[in-house]
Amino acid sequence: MENGLEANYLVIACTIVDNHNEIRFYALIDSGATGYAFIDKAFAEPYNFCLIEISEPRRLIVIDGRPLSSGAITHMTTIGLSIKTHLEMIPAFVTTLGGYHLTLGLPLLKHHDVKIDFPSNSLTFESEHCLKNCINDVTMAYGIEAELPHFLWAYAAQCALGHKVLDKCEVLQILPKH
């Protein structure tokens, strides 16, 4: 039974494109995130994304006001991100994330003037900026609903364990068997 939480997350399918890789995965859209984008360190390392040390480490504060348990952000990377036909190079802070490998934040949404339609669980790239720089025509992407319960179960498990960041094997052991 849906408890209403599932409808509060917008997750989209996307692809990272670079000279060596085309990686398909899911990204969480987070209009409360103050960075352009955040990428999971454990996800980025095997693909050898170029990590750039930032001059001043940044503390990340989570929604309840606590600092992120994995510590200050010390590195960034730039990745080619494709959402349907929308393609751009984006900067991303490298940190430890739970649930999804990439979080797209408010600065990205504002920069592209992304239209989010919550009833249809979709976002649309149609701004003048996007049409000049990122796409040839209006692009709409729909949220992935089937993945949301897995994210919420993983998040609930992390909360129950005092926000310890779990790896994929640990999450699979905690999830209920269907």
Protein backbone atom coordinates (compact mmCIF):
# COMPACT_ATOMS: atom_id res chain seq x y z
CA MET A 1 0.00 0.00 0.00
CA GLU A 2 1.34 3.42 -0.91
CA ASN A 3 1.89 5.62 2.11
CA GLY A 4 2.27 8.87 0.16
CA LEU A 5 6.07 9.04 0.47
CA GLU A 6 6.68 7.43 -2.92
CA ALA A 7 4.96 10.31 -4.69
CA ASN A 8 7.44 12.79 -3.16
CA TYR A 9 10.46 11.62 -5.15
CA LEU A 10 11.23 12.32 -8.78
CA VAL A 11 13.78 9.92 -10.23
CA ILE A 12 14.69 9.89 -13.91
CA ALA A 13 16.64 7.60 -16.20
CA CYS A 14 19.77 9.20 -17.61
CA THR A 15 23.14 8.41 -19.13
CA ILE A 16 26.67 9.61 -18.45
CA VAL A 17 28.53 9.97 -21.71
CA ASP A 18 32.30 10.38 -22.00
CA ASN A 19 35.07 9.20 -24.32
CA HIS A 20 35.22 5.74 -22.75
CA ASN A 21 31.83 5.06 -21.20
CA GLU A 22 28.10 5.25 -21.74
CA ILE A 23 26.64 4.53 -18.32
CA ARG A 24 22.88 4.22 -17.88
CA PHE A 25 21.50 4.80 -14.39
CA TYR A 26 18.95 6.81 -12.37
CA ALA A 27 19.23 10.29 -10.91
CA LEU A 28 17.26 11.81 -8.07
CA ILE A 29 15.85 15.28 -8.74
CA ASP A 30 16.19 17.27 -5.50
CA SER A 31 14.94 20.84 -5.57
CA GLY A 32 16.28 21.23 -2.01
CA ALA A 33 19.88 20.41 -2.97
CA THR A 34 21.97 23.58 -3.12
CA GLY A 35 24.66 22.19 -5.43
CA TYR A 36 24.32 21.85 -9.20
CA ALA A 37 24.80 18.08 -8.91
CA PHE A 38 26.23 15.47 -6.54
CA ILE A 39 27.74 12.16 -7.68
CA ASP A 40 28.46 9.16 -5.49
CA LYS A 41 32.19 8.64 -4.91
CA ALA A 42 31.95 4.83 -5.02
CA PHE A 43 30.10 5.10 -8.35
CA ALA A 44 32.57 7.58 -9.90
CA GLU A 45 35.84 5.87 -8.95
CA PRO A 46 35.59 2.67 -11.08
CA TYR A 47 34.89 4.78 -14.18
CA ASN A 48 37.99 6.91 -13.58
CA PHE A 49 36.19 10.23 -13.84
CA CYS A 50 38.67 13.05 -13.47
CA LEU A 51 38.39 14.17 -9.85
CA ILE A 52 39.46 17.74 -9.16
CA GLU A 53 40.32 18.78 -5.61
CA ILE A 54 38.44 21.91 -4.57
CA SER A 55 40.36 24.65 -2.78
CA GLU A 56 38.00 24.87 0.19
CA PRO A 57 36.29 21.66 1.38
CA ARG A 58 32.52 22.15 1.68
CA ARG A 59 30.40 20.82 4.49
CA LEU A 60 27.11 19.47 3.31
CA ILE A 61 24.16 19.81 5.68
CA VAL A 62 21.32 17.29 5.37
CA ILE A 63 17.66 18.16 5.74
CA ASP A 64 17.56 17.86 9.53
CA GLY A 65 20.49 20.27 9.96
CA ARG A 66 23.20 17.68 10.66
CA PRO A 67 26.42 17.64 8.64
CA LEU A 68 26.72 14.81 6.13
CA SER A 69 28.17 11.81 7.98
CA SER A 70 30.73 11.11 5.23
CA GLY A 71 32.48 14.41 5.90
CA ALA A 72 33.24 17.51 3.88
CA ILE A 73 33.21 17.48 0.09
CA THR A 74 36.79 17.75 -1.20
CA HIS A 75 36.46 16.93 -4.92
CA MET A 76 34.42 17.73 -8.03
CA THR A 77 34.17 16.20 -11.46
CA THR A 78 32.64 17.18 -14.78
CA ILE A 79 30.48 14.65 -16.60
CA GLY A 80 28.49 14.54 -19.82
CA LEU A 81 24.88 14.02 -18.73
CA SER A 82 22.17 12.94 -21.12
CA ILE A 83 18.50 13.00 -20.17
CA LYS A 84 16.64 11.79 -23.26
CA THR A 85 17.95 14.20 -25.95
CA HIS A 86 19.11 16.86 -23.46
CA LEU A 87 22.92 16.67 -23.29
CA GLU A 88 25.33 18.88 -21.39
CA MET A 89 28.56 18.85 -19.43
CA ILE A 90 27.78 19.33 -15.75
CA PRO A 91 29.92 19.93 -12.66
CA ALA A 92 29.21 17.52 -9.80
CA PHE A 93 30.41 17.45 -6.21
CA VAL A 94 31.82 14.03 -5.30
CA THR A 95 30.44 12.66 -2.04
CA THR A 96 28.81 9.60 -0.51
CA LEU A 97 25.16 9.30 -1.52
CA GLY A 98 22.54 6.79 -0.49
CA GLY A 99 20.12 5.25 -2.96
CA TYR A 100 20.98 6.89 -6.28
CA HIS A 101 24.35 7.58 -7.93
CA LEU A 102 23.51 11.14 -8.94
CA THR A 103 21.44 13.93 -7.42
CA LEU A 104 20.52 16.92 -9.56
CA GLY A 105 20.01 20.06 -7.50
CA LEU A 106 18.22 23.39 -7.61
CA PRO A 107 20.98 25.34 -9.43
CA LEU A 108 20.72 22.92 -12.40
CA LEU A 109 16.92 23.16 -12.39
CA LYS A 110 17.10 26.97 -12.31
CA HIS A 111 19.86 27.21 -14.92
CA HIS A 112 17.77 25.25 -17.42
CA ASP A 113 14.43 26.59 -16.18
CA VAL A 114 13.25 22.98 -16.00
CA LYS A 115 9.48 22.61 -15.87
CA ILE A 116 8.46 19.96 -13.34
CA ASP A 117 4.94 18.56 -13.59
CA PHE A 118 4.37 16.58 -10.42
CA PRO A 119 0.98 15.08 -11.37
CA SER A 120 2.51 13.47 -14.47
CA ASN A 121 5.86 12.80 -12.73
CA SER A 122 7.75 14.50 -15.54
CA LEU A 123 10.18 17.26 -16.30
CA THR A 124 10.56 19.27 -19.47
CA PHE A 125 13.56 21.07 -20.94
CA GLU A 126 12.17 23.86 -23.11
CA SER A 127 13.92 27.06 -22.06
CA GLU A 128 15.59 29.41 -24.51
CA HIS A 129 18.94 28.45 -22.94
CA CYS A 130 18.32 24.73 -23.55
CA LEU A 131 17.11 25.24 -27.11
CA LYS A 132 20.29 27.22 -27.91
CA ASN A 133 22.80 25.06 -26.04
CA CYS A 134 21.56 21.60 -25.08
CA ILE A 135 18.78 20.34 -27.34
CA ASN A 136 17.27 20.81 -30.79
CA ASP A 137 13.67 20.48 -29.63
CA VAL A 138 11.65 20.42 -26.41
CA THR A 139 12.58 17.34 -24.37
CA MET A 140 10.35 15.67 -21.77
CA ALA A 141 11.44 12.92 -19.39
CA TYR A 142 9.16 10.89 -17.14
CA GLY A 143 10.04 9.75 -13.66
CA ILE A 144 10.80 6.13 -12.91
CA GLU A 145 8.19 4.90 -10.45
CA ALA A 146 9.22 1.24 -10.23
CA GLU A 147 12.56 2.08 -8.59
CA LEU A 148 11.18 4.29 -5.82
CA PRO A 149 10.23 1.64 -3.28
CA HIS A 150 13.80 0.25 -3.38
CA PHE A 151 15.20 3.71 -2.65
CA LEU A 152 12.76 4.22 0.22
CA TRP A 153 13.54 0.81 1.72
CA ALA A 154 17.26 1.56 1.51
CA TYR A 155 16.73 4.98 3.07
CA ALA A 156 14.62 3.48 5.89
CA ALA A 157 17.32 0.87 6.51
CA GLN A 158 20.00 3.58 6.67
CA CYS A 159 17.91 5.58 9.14
CA ALA A 160 17.44 2.49 11.30
CA LEU A 161 21.21 2.00 11.34
CA GLY A 162 21.96 5.56 12.42
CA HIS A 163 22.54 6.82 8.86
CA LYS A 164 25.42 4.42 8.25
CA VAL A 165 26.01 4.45 4.50
CA LEU A 166 25.35 0.97 3.19
CA ASP A 167 26.84 -0.67 0.16
CA LYS A 168 24.61 -2.46 -2.35
CA CYS A 169 25.15 -5.92 -0.79
CA GLU A 170 24.15 -4.64 2.67
CA VAL A 171 21.00 -3.01 1.28
CA LEU A 172 19.99 -6.22 -0.53
CA GLN A 173 20.36 -8.19 2.70
CA ILE A 174 18.01 -5.83 4.55
CA LEU A 175 15.32 -5.49 1.87
CA PRO A 176 12.28 -7.73 2.32
CA LYS A 177 12.09 -10.65 -0.09
CA HIS A 178 9.22 -10.38 -2.59
